[in-house]
């Protein structure tokens, strides 16, 4: 699988699956989650409500992933995953890596050949950008899914993109 770093808007990516940095309610919110729900339209929320009424009555646990339609987005599916809130007192990086692992697995099981990821937990959840990139690359660079040919790490804003390029280059 090829990994591509892209500076841009996750909701504008023409891919099979877009990963949503969701909150556990699955019912929309701010940041990436709010943008995906707004642009994707009511079909995403309707499927999320069904999931909450059946499979995830207590919400989607941190690190897990589940798929819905992409509604009006230029994709077929949205893969929702809940990132951890960053903590200086507790190492939650395994939970963050689980977000990427499980979202990749779900997208691959759907038959997606292209997937776009935001930089999970790096917004309002406070994860430092350079480490958020390291955690993402730790999973995405060595991944060998069956169907996926391309994963995009979509970075919001030039400074975040430049940090991601620097971290990737440091890792070799």
C-alpha atoms as a PDB file:
ATOM      1  CA  UNK A   1       0.000   0.000   0.000  1.00  0.00           C
ATOM      2  CA  UNK A   2       1.308   3.428  -0.913  1.00  0.00           C
ATOM      3  CA  UNK A   3       1.082   6.167   1.713  1.00  0.00           C
ATOM      4  CA  UNK A   4       0.567   9.716   0.438  1.00  0.00           C
ATOM      5  CA  UNK A   5       0.703  12.882   2.546  1.00  0.00           C
ATOM      6  CA  UNK A   6      -1.805  15.503   1.363  1.00  0.00           C
ATOM      7  CA  UNK A   7      -2.454  19.027   2.611  1.00  0.00           C
ATOM      8  CA  UNK A   8      -6.163  19.660   2.300  1.00  0.00           C
ATOM      9  CA  UNK A   9      -9.738  19.029   3.310  1.00  0.00           C
ATOM     10  CA  UNK A  10     -10.683  15.458   4.301  1.00  0.00           C
ATOM     11  CA  UNK A  11     -14.241  16.010   3.016  1.00  0.00           C
ATOM     12  CA  UNK A  12     -12.981  16.756  -0.522  1.00  0.00           C
ATOM     13  CA  UNK A  13     -10.999  13.526  -0.969  1.00  0.00           C
ATOM     14  CA  UNK A  14     -12.161  11.341  -3.856  1.00  0.00           C
ATOM     15  CA  UNK A  15     -11.509   7.944  -2.321  1.00  0.00           C
ATOM     16  CA  UNK A  16     -13.457   4.788  -1.568  1.00  0.00           C
ATOM     17  CA  UNK A  17     -13.398   5.369   2.202  1.00  0.00           C
ATOM     18  CA  UNK A  18     -12.932   8.478   4.322  1.00  0.00           C
ATOM     19  CA  UNK A  19     -11.979   8.004   7.961  1.00  0.00           C
ATOM     20  CA  UNK A  20     -13.855  10.159  10.454  1.00  0.00           C
ATOM     21  CA  UNK A  21     -12.211  11.244  13.703  1.00  0.00           C
ATOM     22  CA  UNK A  22     -15.540  10.747  15.442  1.00  0.00           C
ATOM     23  CA  UNK A  23     -16.660  11.190  18.997  1.00  0.00           C
ATOM     24  CA  UNK A  24     -18.065   8.153  20.769  1.00  0.00           C
ATOM     25  CA  UNK A  25     -21.682   9.270  20.299  1.00  0.00           C
ATOM     26  CA  UNK A  26     -21.331   8.883  16.492  1.00  0.00           C
ATOM     27  CA  UNK A  27     -23.814  11.746  16.203  1.00  0.00           C
ATOM     28  CA  UNK A  28     -21.546  14.483  14.900  1.00  0.00           C
ATOM     29  CA  UNK A  29     -19.558  17.150  16.654  1.00  0.00           C
ATOM     30  CA  UNK A  30     -16.831  19.636  15.854  1.00  0.00           C
ATOM     31  CA  UNK A  31     -13.670  19.477  13.784  1.00  0.00           C
ATOM     32  CA  UNK A  32     -13.364  16.623  11.284  1.00  0.00           C
ATOM     33  CA  UNK A  33     -16.460  14.914  12.690  1.00  0.00           C
ATOM     34  CA  UNK A  34     -18.661  17.978  12.228  1.00  0.00           C
ATOM     35  CA  UNK A  35     -17.282  18.663   8.744  1.00  0.00           C
ATOM     36  CA  UNK A  36     -17.952  15.086   7.604  1.00  0.00           C
ATOM     37  CA  UNK A  37     -21.503  15.123   8.963  1.00  0.00           C
ATOM     38  CA  UNK A  38     -22.249  18.566   7.457  1.00  0.00           C
ATOM     39  CA  UNK A  39     -20.902  17.785   3.982  1.00  0.00           C
ATOM     40  CA  UNK A  40     -22.017  14.150   3.974  1.00  0.00           C
ATOM     41  CA  UNK A  41     -25.569  15.065   4.876  1.00  0.00           C
ATOM     42  CA  UNK A  42     -28.355  13.307   6.768  1.00  0.00           C
ATOM     43  CA  UNK A  43     -27.711   9.779   5.425  1.00  0.00           C
ATOM     44  CA  UNK A  44     -24.571   9.481   7.583  1.00  0.00           C
ATOM     45  CA  UNK A  45     -26.391  10.623  10.715  1.00  0.00           C
ATOM     46  CA  UNK A  46     -29.283   8.244  10.007  1.00  0.00           C
ATOM     47  CA  UNK A  47     -26.919   5.244   9.826  1.00  0.00           C
ATOM     48  CA  UNK A  48     -25.067   6.423  12.926  1.00  0.00           C
ATOM     49  CA  UNK A  49     -28.366   6.632  14.804  1.00  0.00           C
ATOM     50  CA  UNK A  50     -29.173   3.054  13.750  1.00  0.00           C
ATOM     51  CA  UNK A  51     -25.759   1.905  15.006  1.00  0.00           C
ATOM     52  CA  UNK A  52     -26.370   3.669  18.341  1.00  0.00           C
ATOM     53  CA  UNK A  53     -29.790   2.029  18.644  1.00  0.00           C
ATOM     54  CA  UNK A  54     -28.434  -1.465  17.929  1.00  0.00           C
ATOM     55  CA  UNK A  55     -24.724  -2.311  18.033  1.00  0.00           C
ATOM     56  CA  UNK A  56     -23.258   0.640  19.961  1.00  0.00           C
ATOM     57  CA  UNK A  57     -25.873   1.651  22.509  1.00  0.00           C
ATOM     58  CA  UNK A  58     -23.137   3.047  24.795  1.00  0.00           C
ATOM     59  CA  UNK A  59     -21.257   4.651  21.913  1.00  0.00           C
ATOM     60  CA  UNK A  60     -18.255   3.579  19.872  1.00  0.00           C
ATOM     61  CA  UNK A  61     -15.313   2.755  22.147  1.00  0.00           C
ATOM     62  CA  UNK A  62     -11.993   4.567  21.722  1.00  0.00           C
ATOM     63  CA  UNK A  63      -9.800   2.834  19.132  1.00  0.00           C
ATOM     64  CA  UNK A  64     -12.585   0.846  17.463  1.00  0.00           C
ATOM     65  CA  UNK A  65     -13.983   1.522  13.976  1.00  0.00           C
ATOM     66  CA  UNK A  66     -17.291   1.101  12.164  1.00  0.00           C
ATOM     67  CA  UNK A  67     -18.478   2.027   8.666  1.00  0.00           C
ATOM     68  CA  UNK A  68     -21.477   3.884   7.308  1.00  0.00           C
ATOM     69  CA  UNK A  69     -22.474   5.333   3.972  1.00  0.00           C
ATOM     70  CA  UNK A  70     -20.598   8.461   2.885  1.00  0.00           C
ATOM     71  CA  UNK A  71     -23.798  10.264   1.934  1.00  0.00           C
ATOM     72  CA  UNK A  72     -22.926  13.300  -0.209  1.00  0.00           C
ATOM     73  CA  UNK A  73     -19.154  12.970   0.203  1.00  0.00           C
ATOM     74  CA  UNK A  74     -17.089  11.975  -2.874  1.00  0.00           C
ATOM     75  CA  UNK A  75     -16.521   8.538  -1.297  1.00  0.00           C
ATOM     76  CA  UNK A  76     -18.488   5.320  -0.831  1.00  0.00           C
ATOM     77  CA  UNK A  77     -18.040   4.886   2.914  1.00  0.00           C
ATOM     78  CA  UNK A  78     -17.135   6.720   6.074  1.00  0.00           C
ATOM     79  CA  UNK A  79     -15.151   4.698   8.592  1.00  0.00           C
ATOM     80  CA  UNK A  80     -15.741   6.220  12.017  1.00  0.00           C
ATOM     81  CA  UNK A  81     -13.110   5.814  14.732  1.00  0.00           C
ATOM     82  CA  UNK A  82     -12.798   7.478  18.120  1.00  0.00           C
ATOM     83  CA  UNK A  83      -9.370   8.761  19.015  1.00  0.00           C
ATOM     84  CA  UNK A  84      -8.124   9.159  22.563  1.00  0.00           C
ATOM     85  CA  UNK A  85      -7.717  12.507  24.278  1.00  0.00           C
ATOM     86  CA  UNK A  86      -4.008  13.223  24.748  1.00  0.00           C
ATOM     87  CA  UNK A  87      -2.635  12.999  28.275  1.00  0.00           C
ATOM     88  CA  UNK A  88       0.788  13.997  29.586  1.00  0.00           C
ATOM     89  CA  UNK A  89       0.256  11.630  32.555  1.00  0.00           C
ATOM     90  CA  UNK A  90      -0.781   8.468  30.682  1.00  0.00           C
ATOM     91  CA  UNK A  91       0.544   6.879  27.479  1.00  0.00           C
ATOM     92  CA  UNK A  92      -2.532   6.479  25.293  1.00  0.00           C
ATOM     93  CA  UNK A  93      -0.580   5.963  22.062  1.00  0.00           C
ATOM     94  CA  UNK A  94      -1.655   2.285  21.750  1.00  0.00           C
ATOM     95  CA  UNK A  95      -5.271   3.500  21.603  1.00  0.00           C
ATOM     96  CA  UNK A  96      -4.377   6.027  18.905  1.00  0.00           C
ATOM     97  CA  UNK A  97      -2.567   3.377  16.857  1.00  0.00           C
ATOM     98  CA  UNK A  98      -5.637   1.117  17.253  1.00  0.00           C
ATOM     99  CA  UNK A  99      -7.698   3.801  15.489  1.00  0.00           C
ATOM    100  CA  UNK A 100      -5.519   3.495  12.385  1.00  0.00           C
ATOM    101  CA  UNK A 101      -5.265  -0.311  12.591  1.00  0.00           C
ATOM    102  CA  UNK A 102      -9.013  -0.834  12.974  1.00  0.00           C
ATOM    103  CA  UNK A 103     -10.003   1.788  10.386  1.00  0.00           C
ATOM    104  CA  UNK A 104      -7.611   0.169   7.883  1.00  0.00           C
ATOM    105  CA  UNK A 105      -9.097  -3.251   8.642  1.00  0.00           C
ATOM    106  CA  UNK A 106     -12.685  -2.029   8.202  1.00  0.00           C
ATOM    107  CA  UNK A 107     -11.881  -0.217   4.931  1.00  0.00           C
ATOM    108  CA  UNK A 108     -10.040  -3.269   3.615  1.00  0.00           C
ATOM    109  CA  UNK A 109     -12.915  -5.598   4.569  1.00  0.00           C
ATOM    110  CA  UNK A 110     -15.316  -3.314   2.684  1.00  0.00           C
ATOM    111  CA  UNK A 111     -13.179  -3.794  -0.438  1.00  0.00           C
ATOM    112  CA  UNK A 112     -11.904  -0.203  -0.553  1.00  0.00           C
ATOM    113  CA  UNK A 113      -8.797   0.373  -2.649  1.00  0.00           C
ATOM    114  CA  UNK A 114      -8.265   3.967  -1.489  1.00  0.00           C
ATOM    115  CA  UNK A 115      -8.713   5.478   1.971  1.00  0.00           C
ATOM    116  CA  UNK A 116      -8.161   8.962   3.403  1.00  0.00           C
ATOM    117  CA  UNK A 117      -7.284   9.536   7.057  1.00  0.00           C
ATOM    118  CA  UNK A 118      -7.311  12.751   9.040  1.00  0.00           C
ATOM    119  CA  UNK A 119      -4.619  13.187  11.686  1.00  0.00           C
ATOM    120  CA  UNK A 120      -6.676  11.570  14.447  1.00  0.00           C
ATOM    121  CA  UNK A 121      -6.746  13.194  17.905  1.00  0.00           C
ATOM    122  CA  UNK A 122      -4.561  16.141  16.849  1.00  0.00           C
ATOM    123  CA  UNK A 123      -7.323  18.755  16.988  1.00  0.00           C
ATOM    124  CA  UNK A 124      -9.513  19.398  20.012  1.00  0.00           C
ATOM    125  CA  UNK A 125      -8.291  16.129  21.595  1.00  0.00           C
ATOM    126  CA  UNK A 126      -4.928  17.849  22.002  1.00  0.00           C
ATOM    127  CA  UNK A 127      -2.462  15.269  20.676  1.00  0.00           C
ATOM    128  CA  UNK A 128       0.829  16.996  19.725  1.00  0.00           C
ATOM    129  CA  UNK A 129       1.018  17.059  15.928  1.00  0.00           C
ATOM    130  CA  UNK A 130       4.523  15.623  15.567  1.00  0.00           C
ATOM    131  CA  UNK A 131       3.702  12.631  17.774  1.00  0.00           C
ATOM    132  CA  UNK A 132       0.263  12.188  16.168  1.00  0.00           C
ATOM    133  CA  UNK A 133       2.078  11.865  12.821  1.00  0.00           C
ATOM    134  CA  UNK A 134       4.539   9.336  14.312  1.00  0.00           C
ATOM    135  CA  UNK A 135       1.666   7.227  15.646  1.00  0.00           C
ATOM    136  CA  UNK A 136      -0.146   7.310  12.295  1.00  0.00           C
ATOM    137  CA  UNK A 137       2.972   6.429  10.305  1.00  0.00           C
ATOM    138  CA  UNK A 138       3.842   3.586  12.704  1.00  0.00           C
ATOM    139  CA  UNK A 139       0.704   1.827  11.437  1.00  0.00           C
ATOM    140  CA  UNK A 140       0.260   3.141   7.894  1.00  0.00           C
ATOM    141  CA  UNK A 141       3.818   2.766   6.559  1.00  0.00           C
ATOM    142  CA  UNK A 142       4.238  -0.984   7.195  1.00  0.00           C
ATOM    143  CA  UNK A 143       0.584  -1.903   6.507  1.00  0.00           C
ATOM    144  CA  UNK A 144      -0.070  -4.612   3.925  1.00  0.00           C
ATOM    145  CA  UNK A 145      -3.850  -4.807   3.511  1.00  0.00           C
ATOM    146  CA  UNK A 146      -5.375  -7.159   0.969  1.00  0.00           C
ATOM    147  CA  UNK A 147      -7.395  -4.613  -1.061  1.00  0.00           C
ATOM    148  CA  UNK A 148      -6.092  -1.160  -0.211  1.00  0.00           C
ATOM    149  CA  UNK A 149      -3.612   0.251  -2.723  1.00  0.00           C
ATOM    150  CA  UNK A 150      -3.415   3.813  -1.373  1.00  0.00           C
ATOM    151  CA  UNK A 151      -3.804   5.493   1.995  1.00  0.00           C
ATOM    152  CA  UNK A 152      -3.789   9.266   2.242  1.00  0.00           C
ATOM    153  CA  UNK A 153      -2.950  11.103   5.415  1.00  0.00           C
ATOM    154  CA  UNK A 154      -4.837  14.352   4.882  1.00  0.00           C
ATOM    155  CA  UNK A 155      -3.316  17.187   6.875  1.00  0.00           C
ATOM    156  CA  UNK A 156      -5.246  20.353   7.579  1.00  0.00           C
ATOM    157  CA  UNK A 157      -3.089  23.426   6.969  1.00  0.00           C
ATOM    158  CA  UNK A 158       0.395  23.999   5.656  1.00  0.00           C
ATOM    159  CA  UNK A 159       2.152  23.905   9.078  1.00  0.00           C
ATOM    160  CA  UNK A 160       0.650  20.483   9.860  1.00  0.00           C
ATOM    161  CA  UNK A 161       1.568  19.198   6.406  1.00  0.00           C
ATOM    162  CA  UNK A 162       5.160  20.455   6.798  1.00  0.00           C
ATOM    163  CA  UNK A 163       5.426  18.769  10.202  1.00  0.00           C
ATOM    164  CA  UNK A 164       4.185  15.496   8.703  1.00  0.00           C
ATOM    165  CA  UNK A 165       6.718  15.651   5.863  1.00  0.00           C
ATOM    166  CA  UNK A 166       9.532  16.356   8.343  1.00  0.00           C
ATOM    167  CA  UNK A 167       8.504  13.467  10.614  1.00  0.00           C
ATOM    168  CA  UNK A 168       8.148  11.079   7.656  1.00  0.00           C
ATOM    169  CA  UNK A 169      11.581  12.064   6.361  1.00  0.00           C
ATOM    170  CA  UNK A 170      13.116  11.552   9.822  1.00  0.00           C
ATOM    171  CA  UNK A 171      11.664   8.062   9.953  1.00  0.00           C
ATOM    172  CA  UNK A 172      13.199   7.268   6.562  1.00  0.00           C
END
